[in-house]
C-alpha atoms as a PDB file:
ATOM      1  CA  UNK A   1     103.614 108.663  81.425  1.00  0.00           C
ATOM      2  CA  UNK A   2     100.340 109.860  83.120  1.00  0.00           C
ATOM      3  CA  UNK A   3      99.903 110.069  86.829  1.00  0.00           C
ATOM      4  CA  UNK A   4      96.804 110.655  88.963  1.00  0.00           C
ATOM      5  CA  UNK A   5      95.325 110.284  92.666  1.00  0.00           C
ATOM      6  CA  UNK A   6      91.947 108.741  93.354  1.00  0.00           C
ATOM      7  CA  UNK A   7      89.914 109.417  96.466  1.00  0.00           C
ATOM      8  CA  UNK A   8      87.385 106.641  97.342  1.00  0.00           C
ATOM      9  CA  UNK A   9      84.411 107.887  99.400  1.00  0.00           C
ATOM     10  CA  UNK A  10      81.614 105.893 101.161  1.00  0.00           C
ATOM     11  CA  UNK A  11      78.350 106.185  99.486  1.00  0.00           C
ATOM     12  CA  UNK A  12      76.367 104.818 102.470  1.00  0.00           C
ATOM     13  CA  UNK A  13      77.444 107.850 104.749  1.00  0.00           C
ATOM     14  CA  UNK A  14      75.415 110.269 102.473  1.00  0.00           C
ATOM     15  CA  UNK A  15      77.900 113.169 103.509  1.00  0.00           C
ATOM     16  CA  UNK A  16      76.739 116.626 103.192  1.00  0.00           C
ATOM     17  CA  UNK A  17      78.774 118.543 100.458  1.00  0.00           C
ATOM     18  CA  UNK A  18      80.942 120.529 102.531  1.00  0.00           C
ATOM     19  CA  UNK A  19      81.816 117.487 104.787  1.00  0.00           C
ATOM     20  CA  UNK A  20      82.708 115.402 101.576  1.00  0.00           C
ATOM     21  CA  UNK A  21      84.973 118.085 100.278  1.00  0.00           C
ATOM     22  CA  UNK A  22      86.856 118.185 103.666  1.00  0.00           C
ATOM     23  CA  UNK A  23      87.157 114.584 104.017  1.00  0.00           C
ATOM     24  CA  UNK A  24      88.425 114.169 100.460  1.00  0.00           C
ATOM     25  CA  UNK A  25      90.970 116.985 101.184  1.00  0.00           C
ATOM     26  CA  UNK A  26      92.376 115.043 104.083  1.00  0.00           C
ATOM     27  CA  UNK A  27      92.713 111.997 101.967  1.00  0.00           C
ATOM     28  CA  UNK A  28      94.536 113.765  99.144  1.00  0.00           C
ATOM     29  CA  UNK A  29      96.915 115.572 101.412  1.00  0.00           C
ATOM     30  CA  UNK A  30      97.680 112.542 103.776  1.00  0.00           C
ATOM     31  CA  UNK A  31      98.191 110.307 100.583  1.00  0.00           C
ATOM     32  CA  UNK A  32     100.505 112.640  98.953  1.00  0.00           C
ATOM     33  CA  UNK A  33     102.666 113.085 102.220  1.00  0.00           C
ATOM     34  CA  UNK A  34     102.987 109.184 102.141  1.00  0.00           C
ATOM     35  CA  UNK A  35     104.022 108.961  98.523  1.00  0.00           C
ATOM     36  CA  UNK A  36     107.471 109.053  96.725  1.00  0.00           C
ATOM     37  CA  UNK A  37     108.574 112.613  96.418  1.00  0.00           C
ATOM     38  CA  UNK A  38     109.659 111.967  92.653  1.00  0.00           C
ATOM     39  CA  UNK A  39     106.217 110.690  91.653  1.00  0.00           C
ATOM     40  CA  UNK A  40     104.516 113.568  93.454  1.00  0.00           C
ATOM     41  CA  UNK A  41     106.823 116.128  91.503  1.00  0.00           C
ATOM     42  CA  UNK A  42     105.941 114.443  88.185  1.00  0.00           C
ATOM     43  CA  UNK A  43     102.148 114.211  88.991  1.00  0.00           C
ATOM     44  CA  UNK A  44     102.196 117.915  89.859  1.00  0.00           C
ATOM     45  CA  UNK A  45     103.918 118.800  86.694  1.00  0.00           C
ATOM     46  CA  UNK A  46     101.032 117.174  84.691  1.00  0.00           C
ATOM     47  CA  UNK A  47      98.400 119.071  86.806  1.00  0.00           C
ATOM     48  CA  UNK A  48      97.900 117.022  89.889  1.00  0.00           C
ATOM     49  CA  UNK A  49      94.912 114.900  88.300  1.00  0.00           C
ATOM     50  CA  UNK A  50      92.506 113.795  91.147  1.00  0.00           C
ATOM     51  CA  UNK A  51      89.390 111.736  90.715  1.00  0.00           C
ATOM     52  CA  UNK A  52      86.717 111.151  93.551  1.00  0.00           C
ATOM     53  CA  UNK A  53      85.017 107.810  93.375  1.00  0.00           C
ATOM     54  CA  UNK A  54      82.419 106.086  95.275  1.00  0.00           C
ATOM     55  CA  UNK A  55      82.338 102.912  97.075  1.00  0.00           C
ATOM     56  CA  UNK A  56      79.181 101.170  98.582  1.00  0.00           C
ATOM     57  CA  UNK A  57      80.348 100.989 102.201  1.00  0.00           C
ATOM     58  CA  UNK A  58      83.205 100.377 104.653  1.00  0.00           C
ATOM     59  CA  UNK A  59      83.630  96.823 103.801  1.00  0.00           C
ATOM     60  CA  UNK A  60      84.250  97.707 100.148  1.00  0.00           C
ATOM     61  CA  UNK A  61      86.561 100.470 100.964  1.00  0.00           C
ATOM     62  CA  UNK A  62      88.792  98.284 102.966  1.00  0.00           C
ATOM     63  CA  UNK A  63      88.530  95.794  99.908  1.00  0.00           C
ATOM     64  CA  UNK A  64      89.988  98.536  97.571  1.00  0.00           C
ATOM     65  CA  UNK A  65      92.649  99.496 100.197  1.00  0.00           C
ATOM     66  CA  UNK A  66      93.922  96.006 100.317  1.00  0.00           C
ATOM     67  CA  UNK A  67      93.985  95.793  96.576  1.00  0.00           C
ATOM     68  CA  UNK A  68      95.932  99.146  96.306  1.00  0.00           C
ATOM     69  CA  UNK A  69      98.449  98.080  98.886  1.00  0.00           C
ATOM     70  CA  UNK A  70      98.814  94.777  97.115  1.00  0.00           C
ATOM     71  CA  UNK A  71      99.808  96.664  93.930  1.00  0.00           C
ATOM     72  CA  UNK A  72     102.276  98.783  96.084  1.00  0.00           C
ATOM     73  CA  UNK A  73     100.261 102.007  95.932  1.00  0.00           C
ATOM     74  CA  UNK A  74     100.456 104.447  98.876  1.00  0.00           C
ATOM     75  CA  UNK A  75      97.121 104.924 100.761  1.00  0.00           C
ATOM     76  CA  UNK A  76      95.575 107.096 103.390  1.00  0.00           C
ATOM     77  CA  UNK A  77      92.572 105.875 105.347  1.00  0.00           C
ATOM     78  CA  UNK A  78      90.625 108.835 106.797  1.00  0.00           C
ATOM     79  CA  UNK A  79      88.886 108.702 110.029  1.00  0.00           C
ATOM     80  CA  UNK A  80      86.674 111.485 111.205  1.00  0.00           C
ATOM     81  CA  UNK A  81      87.105 113.384 114.441  1.00  0.00           C
ATOM     82  CA  UNK A  82      83.352 113.508 115.135  1.00  0.00           C
ATOM     83  CA  UNK A  83      83.100 117.359 115.605  1.00  0.00           C
ATOM     84  CA  UNK A  84      80.368 117.856 113.308  1.00  0.00           C
ATOM     85  CA  UNK A  85      78.097 115.322 111.389  1.00  0.00           C
ATOM     86  CA  UNK A  86      79.514 111.973 112.165  1.00  0.00           C
ATOM     87  CA  UNK A  87      80.236 109.977 115.079  1.00  0.00           C
ATOM     88  CA  UNK A  88      84.042 109.945 116.205  1.00  0.00           C
ATOM     89  CA  UNK A  89      85.987 107.295 114.500  1.00  0.00           C
ATOM     90  CA  UNK A  90      83.849 106.946 111.429  1.00  0.00           C
ATOM     91  CA  UNK A  91      85.854 105.962 108.416  1.00  0.00           C
ATOM     92  CA  UNK A  92      85.050 108.037 105.581  1.00  0.00           C
ATOM     93  CA  UNK A  93      87.294 107.733 102.627  1.00  0.00           C
ATOM     94  CA  UNK A  94      90.565 106.558 101.220  1.00  0.00           C
ATOM     95  CA  UNK A  95      93.148 108.295  99.233  1.00  0.00           C
ATOM     96  CA  UNK A  96      95.287 106.223  96.707  1.00  0.00           C
ATOM     97  CA  UNK A  97      98.363 107.657  95.130  1.00  0.00           C
ATOM     98  CA  UNK A  98      99.300 109.582  93.193  1.00  0.00           C
ATOM     99  CA  UNK A  99     101.055 107.098  91.039  1.00  0.00           C
ATOM    100  CA  UNK A 100     100.935 105.933  87.642  1.00  0.00           C
ATOM    101  CA  UNK A 101      97.491 106.043  86.247  1.00  0.00           C
ATOM    102  CA  UNK A 102      97.692 102.675  84.865  1.00  0.00           C
ATOM    103  CA  UNK A 103      98.477 101.158  88.182  1.00  0.00           C
ATOM    104  CA  UNK A 104      95.770 103.053  89.877  1.00  0.00           C
ATOM    105  CA  UNK A 105      93.272 102.078  87.333  1.00  0.00           C
ATOM    106  CA  UNK A 106      94.113  98.295  87.921  1.00  0.00           C
ATOM    107  CA  UNK A 107      92.356  98.785  91.540  1.00  0.00           C
ATOM    108  CA  UNK A 108      89.727 101.642  90.809  1.00  0.00           C
ATOM    109  CA  UNK A 109      89.158 101.681  87.150  1.00  0.00           C
ATOM    110  CA  UNK A 110      85.600 100.064  87.508  1.00  0.00           C
ATOM    111  CA  UNK A 111      84.411 102.442  90.167  1.00  0.00           C
ATOM    112  CA  UNK A 112      82.044 105.341  89.276  1.00  0.00           C
ATOM    113  CA  UNK A 113      82.603 109.032  90.012  1.00  0.00           C
ATOM    114  CA  UNK A 114      80.658 110.899  92.862  1.00  0.00           C
END
């Protein structure tokens, strides 16, 4: 059974590449730490597939967060500390999973990649 993780990023923030990479890394790690160890191990054995997808804004990000939680998926909402380009407390992205690819696709399957 294939597994994956997705990270949803707010398109409206127009993050510089380095900031985007850092925020996605936070989302990936935090989401993994919240996930079931057995699922994480299976996901890692398959190569640790991660997909970065874009959402329009914070409102849309929260819509997908709720959908993921309704499906029983682990999520990690990332809030920036505000040390560089963003105001403190800015919500930047959301990590979902890892979990079964089919379950995650029910939530994020229509979103486009960054």
